[in-house]
Amino acid sequence: MTQWVGPARAVGLETITFDGGLELRPLGCDKGTAVERVFQEMGNRTAMAYLGDDLSDEDAFRALKGRGLSVLVRHESRPTLADAWIRPPRQLLAFLLACGGACAGEQKE
């Protein structure tokens, strides 16, 4: 993956390796920066949930602290700033279905 470092830097990107591959992002930005940007554009009262599985998601979990829900999605737990931990695929699917139902105004009795 080192072959991507030079070309990425040439166009203003940095490379971050993770479990499943390579992440490209603007220099000086991280996933926490993206969360902050959403709040800037949508307002601080925006309901937000962030689900992530690797260490680069910790920046987003930190940025969301006290303002939304952060969820670590992994088979094994690890130290994290996330508010909750769920295991894929069953718990993730159940979470997404519950969120979809809540957004559609459905209530379980």
C-alpha atoms as a PDB file:
ATOM      1  CA  MET A   1       0.000   0.000   0.000  1.00  0.00           C
ATOM      2  CA  THR A   2       3.016   2.257   0.252  1.00  0.00           C
ATOM      3  CA  GLN A   3       2.754   2.852  -3.506  1.00  0.00           C
ATOM      4  CA  TRP A   4      -0.234   5.144  -2.792  1.00  0.00           C
ATOM      5  CA  VAL A   5       1.539   7.482  -0.343  1.00  0.00           C
ATOM      6  CA  GLY A   6       3.361   9.600  -2.947  1.00  0.00           C
ATOM      7  CA  PRO A   7       0.462  10.039  -5.380  1.00  0.00           C
ATOM      8  CA  ALA A   8      -1.932  10.766  -2.518  1.00  0.00           C
ATOM      9  CA  ARG A   9       0.312  13.480  -1.046  1.00  0.00           C
ATOM     10  CA  ALA A  10       0.743  15.011  -4.500  1.00  0.00           C
ATOM     11  CA  VAL A  11      -2.978  15.798  -4.577  1.00  0.00           C
ATOM     12  CA  GLY A  12      -3.296  16.859  -0.921  1.00  0.00           C
ATOM     13  CA  LEU A  13      -4.352  13.550   0.621  1.00  0.00           C
ATOM     14  CA  GLU A  14      -2.916  11.416   3.376  1.00  0.00           C
ATOM     15  CA  THR A  15      -3.122   7.652   3.621  1.00  0.00           C
ATOM     16  CA  ILE A  16      -4.235   5.718   6.691  1.00  0.00           C
ATOM     17  CA  THR A  17      -4.132   1.924   6.732  1.00  0.00           C
ATOM     18  CA  PHE A  18      -6.827  -0.008   8.584  1.00  0.00           C
ATOM     19  CA  ASP A  19      -8.023  -3.591   8.968  1.00  0.00           C
ATOM     20  CA  GLY A  20      -9.750  -3.706   5.601  1.00  0.00           C
ATOM     21  CA  GLY A  21      -7.549  -1.531   3.419  1.00  0.00           C
ATOM     22  CA  LEU A  22      -6.490   2.049   2.874  1.00  0.00           C
ATOM     23  CA  GLU A  23      -8.240   5.276   3.787  1.00  0.00           C
ATOM     24  CA  LEU A  24      -7.569   8.442   1.811  1.00  0.00           C
ATOM     25  CA  ARG A  25      -8.461  11.773   3.388  1.00  0.00           C
ATOM     26  CA  PRO A  26      -7.543  15.456   3.055  1.00  0.00           C
ATOM     27  CA  LEU A  27      -4.351  16.418   4.884  1.00  0.00           C
ATOM     28  CA  GLY A  28      -5.060  17.622   8.402  1.00  0.00           C
ATOM     29  CA  CYS A  29      -8.609  16.219   8.492  1.00  0.00           C
ATOM     30  CA  ASP A  30     -10.014  13.182  10.228  1.00  0.00           C
ATOM     31  CA  LYS A  31     -13.431  11.657  10.879  1.00  0.00           C
ATOM     32  CA  GLY A  32     -13.882  14.000  13.845  1.00  0.00           C
ATOM     33  CA  THR A  33     -13.439  16.917  11.453  1.00  0.00           C
ATOM     34  CA  ALA A  34     -16.253  15.471   9.340  1.00  0.00           C
ATOM     35  CA  VAL A  35     -18.553  15.210  12.385  1.00  0.00           C
ATOM     36  CA  GLU A  36     -17.804  18.837  13.314  1.00  0.00           C
ATOM     37  CA  ARG A  37     -18.551  19.893   9.737  1.00  0.00           C
ATOM     38  CA  VAL A  38     -21.957  18.196   9.819  1.00  0.00           C
ATOM     39  CA  PHE A  39     -22.820  20.062  13.019  1.00  0.00           C
ATOM     40  CA  GLN A  40     -21.654  23.354  11.468  1.00  0.00           C
ATOM     41  CA  GLU A  41     -23.822  22.848   8.403  1.00  0.00           C
ATOM     42  CA  MET A  42     -26.866  21.233  10.051  1.00  0.00           C
ATOM     43  CA  GLY A  43     -26.806  22.900  13.479  1.00  0.00           C
ATOM     44  CA  ASN A  44     -25.815  21.680  16.917  1.00  0.00           C
ATOM     45  CA  ARG A  45     -29.291  20.288  17.594  1.00  0.00           C
ATOM     46  CA  THR A  46     -28.998  17.785  14.756  1.00  0.00           C
ATOM     47  CA  ALA A  47     -29.631  14.191  15.841  1.00  0.00           C
ATOM     48  CA  MET A  48     -26.597  12.186  14.867  1.00  0.00           C
ATOM     49  CA  ALA A  49     -25.354   8.625  15.283  1.00  0.00           C
ATOM     50  CA  TYR A  50     -21.934   7.467  14.130  1.00  0.00           C
ATOM     51  CA  LEU A  51     -21.094   3.791  13.730  1.00  0.00           C
ATOM     52  CA  GLY A  52     -17.517   2.702  13.195  1.00  0.00           C
ATOM     53  CA  ASP A  53     -15.228  -0.268  13.572  1.00  0.00           C
ATOM     54  CA  ASP A  54     -11.606   0.821  13.561  1.00  0.00           C
ATOM     55  CA  LEU A  55      -9.202   3.159  15.335  1.00  0.00           C
ATOM     56  CA  SER A  56      -9.661   5.980  12.826  1.00  0.00           C
ATOM     57  CA  ASP A  57     -13.294   6.204  13.980  1.00  0.00           C
ATOM     58  CA  GLU A  58     -12.181   7.234  17.476  1.00  0.00           C
ATOM     59  CA  ASP A  59     -11.803  10.848  16.268  1.00  0.00           C
ATOM     60  CA  ALA A  60     -15.487  10.859  15.328  1.00  0.00           C
ATOM     61  CA  PHE A  61     -16.482   9.238  18.621  1.00  0.00           C
ATOM     62  CA  ARG A  62     -14.569  11.985  20.468  1.00  0.00           C
ATOM     63  CA  ALA A  63     -16.189  14.777  18.428  1.00  0.00           C
ATOM     64  CA  LEU A  64     -19.658  13.350  19.020  1.00  0.00           C
ATOM     65  CA  LYS A  65     -19.269  12.961  22.805  1.00  0.00           C
ATOM     66  CA  GLY A  66     -22.295  14.445  24.564  1.00  0.00           C
ATOM     67  CA  ARG A  67     -23.941  15.482  21.286  1.00  0.00           C
ATOM     68  CA  GLY A  68     -25.010  12.219  19.708  1.00  0.00           C
ATOM     69  CA  LEU A  69     -24.649   8.454  19.769  1.00  0.00           C
ATOM     70  CA  SER A  70     -21.383   6.740  18.906  1.00  0.00           C
ATOM     71  CA  VAL A  71     -21.344   2.983  18.368  1.00  0.00           C
ATOM     72  CA  LEU A  72     -18.413   0.622  17.992  1.00  0.00           C
ATOM     73  CA  VAL A  73     -19.355  -2.162  15.559  1.00  0.00           C
ATOM     74  CA  ARG A  74     -16.980  -5.109  15.944  1.00  0.00           C
ATOM     75  CA  HIS A  75     -17.028  -8.780  16.767  1.00  0.00           C
ATOM     76  CA  GLU A  76     -14.652  -8.176  19.683  1.00  0.00           C
ATOM     77  CA  SER A  77     -14.772  -5.276  22.112  1.00  0.00           C
ATOM     78  CA  ARG A  78     -11.761  -3.015  22.582  1.00  0.00           C
ATOM     79  CA  PRO A  79     -11.079   0.172  24.541  1.00  0.00           C
ATOM     80  CA  THR A  80     -13.050   2.944  22.819  1.00  0.00           C
ATOM     81  CA  LEU A  81     -14.619   6.361  23.231  1.00  0.00           C
ATOM     82  CA  ALA A  82     -17.861   5.027  21.729  1.00  0.00           C
ATOM     83  CA  ASP A  83     -21.011   5.100  23.840  1.00  0.00           C
ATOM     84  CA  ALA A  84     -22.055   1.576  22.871  1.00  0.00           C
ATOM     85  CA  TRP A  85     -20.720  -1.631  21.332  1.00  0.00           C
ATOM     86  CA  ILE A  86     -22.658  -3.938  19.046  1.00  0.00           C
ATOM     87  CA  ARG A  87     -21.640  -7.082  17.209  1.00  0.00           C
ATOM     88  CA  PRO A  88     -22.312  -7.507  13.517  1.00  0.00           C
ATOM     89  CA  PRO A  89     -24.295  -8.771  11.766  1.00  0.00           C
ATOM     90  CA  ARG A  90     -27.334  -9.509  13.973  1.00  0.00           C
ATOM     91  CA  GLN A  91     -27.003  -6.682  16.495  1.00  0.00           C
ATOM     92  CA  LEU A  92     -26.109  -4.233  13.731  1.00  0.00           C
ATOM     93  CA  LEU A  93     -29.119  -5.223  11.665  1.00  0.00           C
ATOM     94  CA  ALA A  94     -31.407  -4.953  14.707  1.00  0.00           C
ATOM     95  CA  PHE A  95     -29.984  -1.500  15.488  1.00  0.00           C
ATOM     96  CA  LEU A  96     -30.486  -0.276  11.924  1.00  0.00           C
ATOM     97  CA  LEU A  97     -34.024  -1.649  11.762  1.00  0.00           C
ATOM     98  CA  ALA A  98     -34.881   0.038  15.091  1.00  0.00           C
ATOM     99  CA  CYS A  99     -33.455   3.343  13.854  1.00  0.00           C
ATOM    100  CA  GLY A 100     -35.374   3.046  10.608  1.00  0.00           C
ATOM    101  CA  GLY A 101     -38.571   2.354  12.515  1.00  0.00           C
ATOM    102  CA  ALA A 102     -37.978   5.289  14.842  1.00  0.00           C
ATOM    103  CA  CYS A 103     -37.353   7.602  11.899  1.00  0.00           C
ATOM    104  CA  ALA A 104     -40.560   6.391  10.246  1.00  0.00           C
ATOM    105  CA  GLY A 105     -42.499   7.065  13.437  1.00  0.00           C
ATOM    106  CA  GLU A 106     -43.148   3.408  14.216  1.00  0.00           C
ATOM    107  CA  GLN A 107     -43.455   2.421  17.853  1.00  0.00           C
ATOM    108  CA  LYS A 108     -43.095  -1.047  19.309  1.00  0.00           C
ATOM    109  CA  GLU A 109     -45.575  -1.995  21.993  1.00  0.00           C
END
